[in-house]
């Protein structure tokens, strides 16, 4: 069963966050690290449906390097 997680990271001195669909938080962090090896992962949390709808994050597949 997959869930959505929000992963916060620092990338080139800027903080960003993306939503990732994964089985657990560790896999979500590893997916982000695989896409962006230079990123520093700050946090991983379950997606807050109410708050994240008001302030949406980028999806990992939708972003460019």
PDB file of N, CA and C in Angstrom:
ATOM      1  N   UNK A   1       0.838  -1.176   0.000  1.00  0.00           N
ATOM      2  CA  UNK A   1       0.000   0.000   0.000  1.00  0.00           C
ATOM      3  C   UNK A   1       0.887   1.243   0.000  1.00  0.00           C
ATOM      4  N   UNK A   2       0.764   2.050  -1.024  1.00  0.00           N
ATOM      5  CA  UNK A   2       1.593   3.246  -1.129  1.00  0.00           C
ATOM      6  C   UNK A   2       0.902   4.434  -0.483  1.00  0.00           C
ATOM      7  N   UNK A   3       1.716   5.284   0.129  1.00  0.00           N
ATOM      8  CA  UNK A   3       1.250   6.529   0.736  1.00  0.00           C
ATOM      9  C   UNK A   3       2.018   7.675   0.104  1.00  0.00           C
ATOM     10  N   UNK A   4       1.575   8.886   0.374  1.00  0.00           N
ATOM     11  CA  UNK A   4       2.303  10.055  -0.112  1.00  0.00           C
ATOM     12  C   UNK A   4       3.061  10.691   1.040  1.00  0.00           C
ATOM     13  N   UNK A   5       4.313  11.053   0.770  1.00  0.00           N
ATOM     14  CA  UNK A   5       5.181  11.686   1.751  1.00  0.00           C
ATOM     15  C   UNK A   5       5.696  12.998   1.190  1.00  0.00           C
ATOM     16  N   UNK A   6       5.914  13.953   2.065  1.00  0.00           N
ATOM     17  CA  UNK A   6       6.559  15.206   1.700  1.00  0.00           C
ATOM     18  C   UNK A   6       7.999  15.117   2.173  1.00  0.00           C
ATOM     19  N   UNK A   7       8.926  15.368   1.263  1.00  0.00           N
ATOM     20  CA  UNK A   7      10.355  15.299   1.566  1.00  0.00           C
ATOM     21  C   UNK A   7      10.925  16.705   1.445  1.00  0.00           C
ATOM     22  N   UNK A   8      11.491  17.210   2.541  1.00  0.00           N
ATOM     23  CA  UNK A   8      12.134  18.516   2.538  1.00  0.00           C
ATOM     24  C   UNK A   8      13.627  18.346   2.349  1.00  0.00           C
ATOM     25  N   UNK A   9      14.226  19.227   1.550  1.00  0.00           N
ATOM     26  CA  UNK A   9      15.650  19.092   1.248  1.00  0.00           C
ATOM     27  C   UNK A   9      16.264  20.450   0.967  1.00  0.00           C
ATOM     28  N   UNK A  10      17.583  20.502   1.061  1.00  0.00           N
ATOM     29  CA  UNK A  10      18.351  21.659   0.625  1.00  0.00           C
ATOM     30  C   UNK A  10      19.036  21.274  -0.663  1.00  0.00           C
ATOM     31  N   UNK A  11      18.870  22.101  -1.679  1.00  0.00           N
ATOM     32  CA  UNK A  11      19.452  21.833  -2.981  1.00  0.00           C
ATOM     33  C   UNK A  11      20.080  23.119  -3.489  1.00  0.00           C
ATOM     34  N   UNK A  12      21.392  23.120  -3.600  1.00  0.00           N
ATOM     35  CA  UNK A  12      22.144  24.294  -4.062  1.00  0.00           C
ATOM     36  C   UNK A  12      21.865  25.519  -3.191  1.00  0.00           C
ATOM     37  N   UNK A  13      21.777  25.311  -1.882  1.00  0.00           N
ATOM     38  CA  UNK A  13      21.573  26.413  -0.955  1.00  0.00           C
ATOM     39  C   UNK A  13      20.134  26.878  -0.813  1.00  0.00           C
ATOM     40  N   UNK A  14      19.205  26.241  -1.485  1.00  0.00           N
ATOM     41  CA  UNK A  14      17.794  26.617  -1.404  1.00  0.00           C
ATOM     42  C   UNK A  14      17.003  25.451  -0.841  1.00  0.00           C
ATOM     43  N   UNK A  15      16.038  25.757   0.024  1.00  0.00           N
ATOM     44  CA  UNK A  15      15.193  24.690   0.556  1.00  0.00           C
ATOM     45  C   UNK A  15      14.032  24.440  -0.395  1.00  0.00           C
ATOM     46  N   UNK A  16      13.751  23.173  -0.607  1.00  0.00           N
ATOM     47  CA  UNK A  16      12.652  22.752  -1.475  1.00  0.00           C
ATOM     48  C   UNK A  16      11.946  21.593  -0.807  1.00  0.00           C
ATOM     49  N   UNK A  17      10.744  21.319  -1.246  1.00  0.00           N
ATOM     50  CA  UNK A  17      10.044  20.129  -0.788  1.00  0.00           C
ATOM     51  C   UNK A  17       9.259  19.552  -1.956  1.00  0.00           C
ATOM     52  N   UNK A  18       9.186  18.237  -1.981  1.00  0.00           N
ATOM     53  CA  UNK A  18       8.479  17.531  -3.040  1.00  0.00           C
ATOM     54  C   UNK A  18       7.594  16.459  -2.414  1.00  0.00           C
ATOM     55  N   UNK A  19       6.552  16.079  -3.129  1.00  0.00           N
ATOM     56  CA  UNK A  19       5.687  14.975  -2.706  1.00  0.00           C
ATOM     57  C   UNK A  19       6.101  13.730  -3.469  1.00  0.00           C
ATOM     58  N   UNK A  20       6.191  12.623  -2.728  1.00  0.00           N
ATOM     59  CA  UNK A  20       6.631  11.357  -3.305  1.00  0.00           C
ATOM     60  C   UNK A  20       5.667  10.266  -2.866  1.00  0.00           C
ATOM     61  N   UNK A  21       5.306   9.387  -3.776  1.00  0.00           N
ATOM     62  CA  UNK A  21       4.486   8.235  -3.425  1.00  0.00           C
ATOM     63  C   UNK A  21       5.421   7.061  -3.164  1.00  0.00           C
ATOM     64  N   UNK A  22       5.312   6.469  -1.957  1.00  0.00           N
ATOM     65  CA  UNK A  22       6.205   5.374  -1.578  1.00  0.00           C
ATOM     66  C   UNK A  22       5.562   4.524  -0.494  1.00  0.00           C
ATOM     67  N   UNK A  23       6.183   3.380  -0.216  1.00  0.00           N
ATOM     68  CA  UNK A  23       5.677   2.473   0.806  1.00  0.00           C
ATOM     69  C   UNK A  23       5.940   2.997   2.214  1.00  0.00           C
ATOM     70  N   UNK A  24       7.117   3.616   2.416  1.00  0.00           N
ATOM     71  CA  UNK A  24       7.433   4.193   3.725  1.00  0.00           C
ATOM     72  C   UNK A  24       8.367   5.391   3.554  1.00  0.00           C
ATOM     73  N   UNK A  25       8.692   6.039   4.671  1.00  0.00           N
ATOM     74  CA  UNK A  25       9.455   7.280   4.636  1.00  0.00           C
ATOM     75  C   UNK A  25      10.875   7.081   4.112  1.00  0.00           C
ATOM     76  N   UNK A  26      11.505   5.979   4.471  1.00  0.00           N
ATOM     77  CA  UNK A  26      12.870   5.727   4.004  1.00  0.00           C
ATOM     78  C   UNK A  26      12.917   5.585   2.491  1.00  0.00           C
ATOM     79  N   UNK A  27      11.985   4.870   1.927  1.00  0.00           N
ATOM     80  CA  UNK A  27      11.946   4.706   0.473  1.00  0.00           C
ATOM     81  C   UNK A  27      11.685   6.048  -0.206  1.00  0.00           C
ATOM     82  N   UNK A  28      10.833   6.874   0.382  1.00  0.00           N
ATOM     83  CA  UNK A  28      10.574   8.206  -0.174  1.00  0.00           C
ATOM     84  C   UNK A  28      11.855   9.043  -0.198  1.00  0.00           C
ATOM     85  N   UNK A  29      12.611   9.014   0.891  1.00  0.00           N
ATOM     86  CA  UNK A  29      13.863   9.765   0.941  1.00  0.00           C
ATOM     87  C   UNK A  29      14.866   9.233  -0.073  1.00  0.00           C
ATOM     88  N   UNK A  30      14.934   7.924  -0.228  1.00  0.00           N
ATOM     89  CA  UNK A  30      15.867   7.334  -1.194  1.00  0.00           C
ATOM     90  C   UNK A  30      15.482   7.661  -2.633  1.00  0.00           C
ATOM     91  N   UNK A  31      14.196   7.747  -2.925  1.00  0.00           N
ATOM     92  CA  UNK A  31      13.757   8.136  -4.273  1.00  0.00           C
ATOM     93  C   UNK A  31      14.214   9.548  -4.601  1.00  0.00           C
ATOM     94  N   UNK A  32      14.080  10.455  -3.628  1.00  0.00           N
ATOM     95  CA  UNK A  32      14.522  11.838  -3.846  1.00  0.00           C
ATOM     96  C   UNK A  32      16.033  11.883  -4.013  1.00  0.00           C
ATOM     97  N   UNK A  33      16.754  11.136  -3.176  1.00  0.00           N
ATOM     98  CA  UNK A  33      18.222  11.126  -3.250  1.00  0.00           C
ATOM     99  C   UNK A  33      18.696  10.545  -4.574  1.00  0.00           C
ATOM    100  N   UNK A  34      17.963   9.565  -5.117  1.00  0.00           N
ATOM    101  CA  UNK A  34      18.319   8.984  -6.404  1.00  0.00           C
ATOM    102  C   UNK A  34      18.139  10.001  -7.528  1.00  0.00           C
ATOM    103  N   UNK A  35      17.060  10.774  -7.476  1.00  0.00           N
ATOM    104  CA  UNK A  35      16.800  11.796  -8.493  1.00  0.00           C
ATOM    105  C   UNK A  35      17.777  12.965  -8.391  1.00  0.00           C
ATOM    106  N   UNK A  36      18.117  13.333  -7.160  1.00  0.00           N
ATOM    107  CA  UNK A  36      18.979  14.498  -6.908  1.00  0.00           C
ATOM    108  C   UNK A  36      20.070  14.121  -5.914  1.00  0.00           C
ATOM    109  N   UNK A  37      21.164  13.519  -6.373  1.00  0.00           N
ATOM    110  CA  UNK A  37      22.210  13.044  -5.456  1.00  0.00           C
ATOM    111  C   UNK A  37      22.862  14.156  -4.629  1.00  0.00           C
ATOM    112  N   UNK A  38      22.859  15.374  -5.119  1.00  0.00           N
ATOM    113  CA  UNK A  38      23.494  16.477  -4.397  1.00  0.00           C
ATOM    114  C   UNK A  38      22.610  17.068  -3.304  1.00  0.00           C
ATOM    115  N   UNK A  39      21.350  16.650  -3.216  1.00  0.00           N
ATOM    116  CA  UNK A  39      20.409  17.185  -2.230  1.00  0.00           C
ATOM    117  C   UNK A  39      20.717  16.658  -0.835  1.00  0.00           C
ATOM    118  N   UNK A  40      20.484  17.506   0.164  1.00  0.00           N
ATOM    119  CA  UNK A  40      20.593  17.118   1.569  1.00  0.00           C
ATOM    120  C   UNK A  40      19.171  16.998   2.098  1.00  0.00           C
ATOM    121  N   UNK A  41      18.788  15.802   2.532  1.00  0.00           N
ATOM    122  CA  UNK A  41      17.426  15.547   3.010  1.00  0.00           C
ATOM    123  C   UNK A  41      17.295  16.095   4.427  1.00  0.00           C
ATOM    124  N   UNK A  42      16.322  16.987   4.641  1.00  0.00           N
ATOM    125  CA  UNK A  42      16.081  17.572   5.964  1.00  0.00           C
ATOM    126  C   UNK A  42      15.023  16.815   6.747  1.00  0.00           C
ATOM    127  N   UNK A  43      13.943  16.444   6.087  1.00  0.00           N
ATOM    128  CA  UNK A  43      12.857  15.753   6.778  1.00  0.00           C
ATOM    129  C   UNK A  43      12.009  14.970   5.790  1.00  0.00           C
ATOM    130  N   UNK A  44      11.293  13.985   6.317  1.00  0.00           N
ATOM    131  CA  UNK A  44      10.297  13.232   5.566  1.00  0.00           C
ATOM    132  C   UNK A  44       9.086  13.107   6.477  1.00  0.00           C
ATOM    133  N   UNK A  45       7.915  13.440   5.958  1.00  0.00           N
ATOM    134  CA  UNK A  45       6.694  13.313   6.761  1.00  0.00           C
ATOM    135  C   UNK A  45       5.559  12.864   5.861  1.00  0.00           C
ATOM    136  N   UNK A  46       4.539  12.288   6.482  1.00  0.00           N
ATOM    137  CA  UNK A  46       3.358  11.924   5.716  1.00  0.00           C
ATOM    138  C   UNK A  46       2.720  13.186   5.177  1.00  0.00           C
ATOM    139  N   UNK A  47       2.150  13.071   4.003  1.00  0.00           N
ATOM    140  CA  UNK A  47       1.516  14.228   3.367  1.00  0.00           C
ATOM    141  C   UNK A  47       0.316  14.677   4.191  1.00  0.00           C
ATOM    142  N   UNK A  48       0.248  15.954   4.469  1.00  0.00           N
ATOM    143  CA  UNK A  48      -0.867  16.557   5.177  1.00  0.00           C
ATOM    144  C   UNK A  48      -1.868  17.000   4.121  1.00  0.00           C
ATOM    145  N   UNK A  49      -2.915  16.213   3.937  1.00  0.00           N
ATOM    146  CA  UNK A  49      -3.830  16.467   2.826  1.00  0.00           C
ATOM    147  C   UNK A  49      -4.437  17.859   2.862  1.00  0.00           C
ATOM    148  N   UNK A  50      -4.877  18.314   4.023  1.00  0.00           N
ATOM    149  CA  UNK A  50      -5.512  19.631   4.099  1.00  0.00           C
ATOM    150  C   UNK A  50      -4.503  20.757   3.852  1.00  0.00           C
ATOM    151  N   UNK A  51      -3.386  20.722   4.541  1.00  0.00           N
ATOM    152  CA  UNK A  51      -2.387  21.779   4.396  1.00  0.00           C
ATOM    153  C   UNK A  51      -1.684  21.747   3.059  1.00  0.00           C
ATOM    154  N   UNK A  52      -1.402  20.550   2.547  1.00  0.00           N
ATOM    155  CA  UNK A  52      -0.693  20.450   1.282  1.00  0.00           C
ATOM    156  C   UNK A  52      -1.577  20.815   0.097  1.00  0.00           C
ATOM    157  N   UNK A  53      -2.888  20.732   0.242  1.00  0.00           N
ATOM    158  CA  UNK A  53      -3.765  21.195  -0.828  1.00  0.00           C
ATOM    159  C   UNK A  53      -3.753  22.716  -0.911  1.00  0.00           C
ATOM    160  N   UNK A  54      -3.620  23.376   0.227  1.00  0.00           N
ATOM    161  CA  UNK A  54      -3.560  24.842   0.237  1.00  0.00           C
ATOM    162  C   UNK A  54      -2.222  25.352  -0.277  1.00  0.00           C
ATOM    163  N   UNK A  55      -1.160  24.640   0.052  1.00  0.00           N
ATOM    164  CA  UNK A  55       0.205  25.036  -0.339  1.00  0.00           C
ATOM    165  C   UNK A  55       0.874  23.835  -0.989  1.00  0.00           C
ATOM    166  N   UNK A  56       0.564  23.548  -2.250  1.00  0.00           N
ATOM    167  CA  UNK A  56       1.053  22.312  -2.884  1.00  0.00           C
ATOM    168  C   UNK A  56       2.567  22.324  -3.099  1.00  0.00           C
ATOM    169  N   UNK A  57       3.151  21.130  -2.998  1.00  0.00           N
ATOM    170  CA  UNK A  57       4.569  20.926  -3.270  1.00  0.00           C
ATOM    171  C   UNK A  57       4.707  20.336  -4.656  1.00  0.00           C
ATOM    172  N   UNK A  58       5.899  20.409  -5.182  1.00  0.00           N
ATOM    173  CA  UNK A  58       6.164  19.812  -6.486  1.00  0.00           C
ATOM    174  C   UNK A  58       6.179  18.297  -6.341  1.00  0.00           C
ATOM    175  N   UNK A  59       5.860  17.609  -7.416  1.00  0.00           N
ATOM    176  CA  UNK A  59       6.015  16.164  -7.456  1.00  0.00           C
ATOM    177  C   UNK A  59       7.404  15.824  -7.938  1.00  0.00           C
ATOM    178  N   UNK A  60       7.915  14.692  -7.563  1.00  0.00           N
ATOM    179  CA  UNK A  60       9.289  14.353  -7.943  1.00  0.00           C
ATOM    180  C   UNK A  60       9.419  14.125  -9.443  1.00  0.00           C
ATOM    181  N   UNK A  61       8.413  13.573 -10.088  1.00  0.00           N
ATOM    182  CA  UNK A  61       8.487  13.319 -11.522  1.00  0.00           C
ATOM    183  C   UNK A  61       8.277  14.588 -12.328  1.00  0.00           C
ATOM    184  N   UNK A  62       7.615  15.590 -11.762  1.00  0.00           N
ATOM    185  CA  UNK A  62       7.281  16.814 -12.495  1.00  0.00           C
ATOM    186  C   UNK A  62       8.437  17.807 -12.519  1.00  0.00           C
ATOM    187  N   UNK A  63       9.433  17.642 -11.661  1.00  0.00           N
ATOM    188  CA  UNK A  63      10.506  18.624 -11.583  1.00  0.00           C
ATOM    189  C   UNK A  63      11.638  18.288 -12.560  1.00  0.00           C
ATOM    190  N   UNK A  64      12.373  19.297 -12.940  1.00  0.00           N
ATOM    191  CA  UNK A  64      13.541  19.096 -13.799  1.00  0.00           C
ATOM    192  C   UNK A  64      14.784  19.324 -12.972  1.00  0.00           C
ATOM    193  N   UNK A  65      15.844  18.781 -13.437  1.00  0.00           N
ATOM    194  CA  UNK A  65      17.120  18.910 -12.695  1.00  0.00           C
ATOM    195  C   UNK A  65      17.779  20.215 -12.916  1.00  0.00           C
TER     196      UNK A  65
END
